[in-house]
N, C-alpha and C. Protein backbone atom coordinates (compact mmCIF):
# COMPACT_ATOMS: atom_id res chain seq x y z
N MET A 1 0.82 -1.19 0.00
CA MET A 1 0.00 0.00 0.00
C MET A 1 0.87 1.26 0.00
N ASN A 2 1.97 1.23 0.70
CA ASN A 2 2.83 2.41 0.74
C ASN A 2 3.44 2.70 -0.63
N SER A 3 3.70 1.67 -1.42
CA SER A 3 4.29 1.91 -2.73
C SER A 3 3.29 2.61 -3.65
N ILE A 4 2.01 2.30 -3.50
CA ILE A 4 0.99 2.98 -4.30
C ILE A 4 0.92 4.45 -3.92
N ARG A 5 0.95 4.72 -2.64
CA ARG A 5 0.92 6.12 -2.18
C ARG A 5 2.17 6.87 -2.64
N ALA A 6 3.30 6.20 -2.62
CA ALA A 6 4.53 6.84 -3.06
C ALA A 6 4.48 7.15 -4.55
N LYS A 7 3.96 6.21 -5.33
CA LYS A 7 3.84 6.44 -6.77
C LYS A 7 2.83 7.53 -7.06
N TRP A 8 1.72 7.55 -6.31
CA TRP A 8 0.69 8.58 -6.52
C TRP A 8 1.26 9.95 -6.17
N GLY A 9 2.04 10.02 -5.12
CA GLY A 9 2.65 11.28 -4.72
C GLY A 9 3.67 11.79 -5.70
N ALA A 10 4.25 10.90 -6.47
CA ALA A 10 5.28 11.29 -7.44
C ALA A 10 4.68 11.82 -8.75
N LEU A 11 3.38 11.65 -8.93
CA LEU A 11 2.74 12.10 -10.16
C LEU A 11 2.50 13.61 -10.15
N THR A 12 2.47 14.17 -11.33
CA THR A 12 2.17 15.60 -11.44
C THR A 12 0.65 15.79 -11.31
N PRO A 13 0.20 17.00 -10.98
CA PRO A 13 -1.24 17.23 -10.88
C PRO A 13 -2.01 16.90 -12.16
N LYS A 14 -1.39 17.14 -13.31
CA LYS A 14 -2.05 16.83 -14.58
C LYS A 14 -2.22 15.32 -14.73
N GLN A 15 -1.22 14.55 -14.34
CA GLN A 15 -1.31 13.10 -14.43
C GLN A 15 -2.38 12.56 -13.49
N LYS A 16 -2.45 13.11 -12.28
CA LYS A 16 -3.48 12.70 -11.32
C LYS A 16 -4.87 12.99 -11.87
N ARG A 17 -5.04 14.17 -12.44
CA ARG A 17 -6.33 14.57 -13.00
C ARG A 17 -6.73 13.63 -14.14
N THR A 18 -5.76 13.28 -14.99
CA THR A 18 -6.03 12.38 -16.11
C THR A 18 -6.46 11.00 -15.62
N ILE A 19 -5.80 10.49 -14.60
CA ILE A 19 -6.14 9.18 -14.05
C ILE A 19 -7.54 9.21 -13.44
N LYS A 20 -7.85 10.25 -12.67
CA LYS A 20 -9.17 10.35 -12.05
C LYS A 20 -10.26 10.44 -13.11
N ARG A 21 -10.04 11.21 -14.15
CA ARG A 21 -11.04 11.34 -15.21
C ARG A 21 -11.19 10.04 -15.98
N SER A 22 -10.09 9.33 -16.21
CA SER A 22 -10.16 8.04 -16.90
C SER A 22 -10.97 7.03 -16.10
N ILE A 23 -10.77 7.02 -14.80
CA ILE A 23 -11.54 6.12 -13.93
C ILE A 23 -13.02 6.50 -13.98
N GLY A 24 -13.32 7.79 -13.97
CA GLY A 24 -14.70 8.23 -14.06
C GLY A 24 -15.35 7.81 -15.36
N ILE A 25 -14.61 7.91 -16.47
CA ILE A 25 -15.14 7.51 -17.77
C ILE A 25 -15.42 6.01 -17.80
N VAL A 26 -14.48 5.22 -17.30
CA VAL A 26 -14.66 3.76 -17.31
C VAL A 26 -15.84 3.35 -16.43
N LEU A 27 -15.94 3.93 -15.24
CA LEU A 27 -17.06 3.59 -14.35
C LEU A 27 -18.39 4.04 -14.94
N GLY A 28 -18.42 5.22 -15.54
CA GLY A 28 -19.64 5.71 -16.16
C GLY A 28 -20.06 4.86 -17.34
N ALA A 29 -19.11 4.48 -18.19
CA ALA A 29 -19.42 3.63 -19.33
C ALA A 29 -19.94 2.27 -18.87
N THR A 30 -19.34 1.73 -17.83
CA THR A 30 -19.80 0.46 -17.28
C THR A 30 -21.22 0.58 -16.74
N ALA A 31 -21.50 1.67 -16.04
CA ALA A 31 -22.84 1.89 -15.51
C ALA A 31 -23.85 2.08 -16.64
N GLY A 32 -23.47 2.79 -17.69
CA GLY A 32 -24.36 2.99 -18.83
C GLY A 32 -24.69 1.68 -19.52
N PHE A 33 -23.70 0.85 -19.73
CA PHE A 33 -23.96 -0.44 -20.36
C PHE A 33 -24.79 -1.34 -19.45
N THR A 34 -24.49 -1.31 -18.16
CA THR A 34 -25.26 -2.12 -17.22
C THR A 34 -26.72 -1.68 -17.20
N TYR A 35 -26.95 -0.38 -17.28
CA TYR A 35 -28.33 0.12 -17.33
C TYR A 35 -29.02 -0.37 -18.60
N TYR A 36 -28.33 -0.33 -19.73
CA TYR A 36 -28.88 -0.84 -20.99
C TYR A 36 -29.22 -2.32 -20.84
N ALA A 37 -28.31 -3.10 -20.27
CA ALA A 37 -28.49 -4.55 -20.19
C ALA A 37 -29.59 -4.95 -19.21
N THR A 38 -29.76 -4.20 -18.14
CA THR A 38 -30.74 -4.60 -17.12
C THR A 38 -32.09 -3.94 -17.32
N VAL A 39 -32.12 -2.65 -17.62
CA VAL A 39 -33.38 -1.93 -17.75
C VAL A 39 -33.75 -1.83 -19.22
N GLY A 40 -32.90 -1.21 -20.01
CA GLY A 40 -33.04 -1.13 -21.45
C GLY A 40 -34.44 -0.84 -21.97
N CYS A 41 -34.58 -0.80 -23.26
CA CYS A 41 -35.86 -0.56 -23.91
C CYS A 41 -35.97 -1.54 -25.07
N ALA A 42 -36.77 -2.56 -24.90
CA ALA A 42 -36.88 -3.61 -25.90
C ALA A 42 -37.62 -3.16 -27.16
N SER A 43 -38.52 -2.20 -27.02
CA SER A 43 -39.32 -1.78 -28.17
C SER A 43 -38.55 -0.93 -29.17
N GLY A 44 -37.46 -0.34 -28.74
CA GLY A 44 -36.67 0.52 -29.60
C GLY A 44 -37.16 1.96 -29.63
N GLY A 45 -38.17 2.26 -28.83
CA GLY A 45 -38.73 3.61 -28.81
C GLY A 45 -37.96 4.57 -27.92
N CYS A 46 -37.08 4.06 -27.11
CA CYS A 46 -36.30 4.91 -26.21
C CYS A 46 -34.95 5.18 -26.89
N PRO A 47 -34.67 6.42 -27.26
CA PRO A 47 -33.47 6.68 -28.05
C PRO A 47 -32.15 6.41 -27.32
N ILE A 48 -32.13 6.54 -26.02
CA ILE A 48 -30.87 6.35 -25.31
C ILE A 48 -30.69 4.91 -24.87
N THR A 49 -31.71 4.31 -24.28
CA THR A 49 -31.54 2.98 -23.70
C THR A 49 -31.79 1.84 -24.67
N SER A 50 -32.20 2.10 -25.90
CA SER A 50 -32.43 1.00 -26.84
C SER A 50 -31.17 0.60 -27.59
N ASN A 51 -30.11 1.40 -27.48
CA ASN A 51 -28.86 1.12 -28.20
C ASN A 51 -27.72 1.06 -27.19
N PRO A 52 -26.97 -0.06 -27.14
CA PRO A 52 -25.89 -0.16 -26.15
C PRO A 52 -24.78 0.86 -26.35
N TRP A 53 -24.50 1.25 -27.59
CA TRP A 53 -23.44 2.22 -27.84
C TRP A 53 -23.82 3.60 -27.30
N ILE A 54 -25.06 3.97 -27.48
CA ILE A 54 -25.50 5.29 -27.03
C ILE A 54 -25.56 5.33 -25.50
N SER A 55 -26.11 4.30 -24.88
CA SER A 55 -26.20 4.30 -23.42
C SER A 55 -24.81 4.24 -22.78
N THR A 56 -23.89 3.51 -23.39
CA THR A 56 -22.52 3.46 -22.88
C THR A 56 -21.84 4.81 -23.04
N GLY A 57 -22.05 5.46 -24.17
CA GLY A 57 -21.47 6.79 -24.40
C GLY A 57 -22.00 7.83 -23.42
N TRP A 58 -23.30 7.81 -23.21
CA TRP A 58 -23.87 8.76 -22.24
C TRP A 58 -23.36 8.47 -20.83
N GLY A 59 -23.22 7.21 -20.49
CA GLY A 59 -22.67 6.86 -19.17
C GLY A 59 -21.25 7.37 -19.01
N ALA A 60 -20.45 7.22 -20.08
CA ALA A 60 -19.07 7.71 -20.04
C ALA A 60 -19.04 9.22 -19.89
N LEU A 61 -19.92 9.91 -20.59
CA LEU A 61 -19.98 11.37 -20.50
C LEU A 61 -20.39 11.82 -19.10
N ILE A 62 -21.35 11.14 -18.51
CA ILE A 62 -21.76 11.48 -17.14
C ILE A 62 -20.64 11.17 -16.16
N GLY A 63 -19.92 10.06 -16.37
CA GLY A 63 -18.79 9.73 -15.52
C GLY A 63 -17.68 10.77 -15.61
N LEU A 64 -17.44 11.27 -16.82
CA LEU A 64 -16.44 12.33 -16.99
C LEU A 64 -16.89 13.60 -16.30
N THR A 65 -18.16 13.96 -16.48
CA THR A 65 -18.68 15.17 -15.87
C THR A 65 -18.63 15.10 -14.35
N ALA A 66 -18.83 13.92 -13.80
CA ALA A 66 -18.82 13.76 -12.34
C ALA A 66 -17.44 13.97 -11.74
N THR A 67 -16.39 13.89 -12.55
CA THR A 67 -15.04 14.06 -12.01
C THR A 67 -14.59 15.51 -11.94
N TYR A 68 -15.39 16.41 -12.47
CA TYR A 68 -15.02 17.83 -12.42
C TYR A 68 -15.42 18.45 -11.12
């Protein structure tokens, strides 16, 4: 655990920000796809949840926005 803290402390603020935003994007995209897979819209009438690419993209965008 100390080695992780040491490595994190050695990073520049820009690198830390990039890592945090990347984690937010990955978590958001995962949540978006999970929402599509579990709730989704089978009829195709829902523009966001009827397509896995769109729901994953929106999830990634929300995950990125949450890191600001």
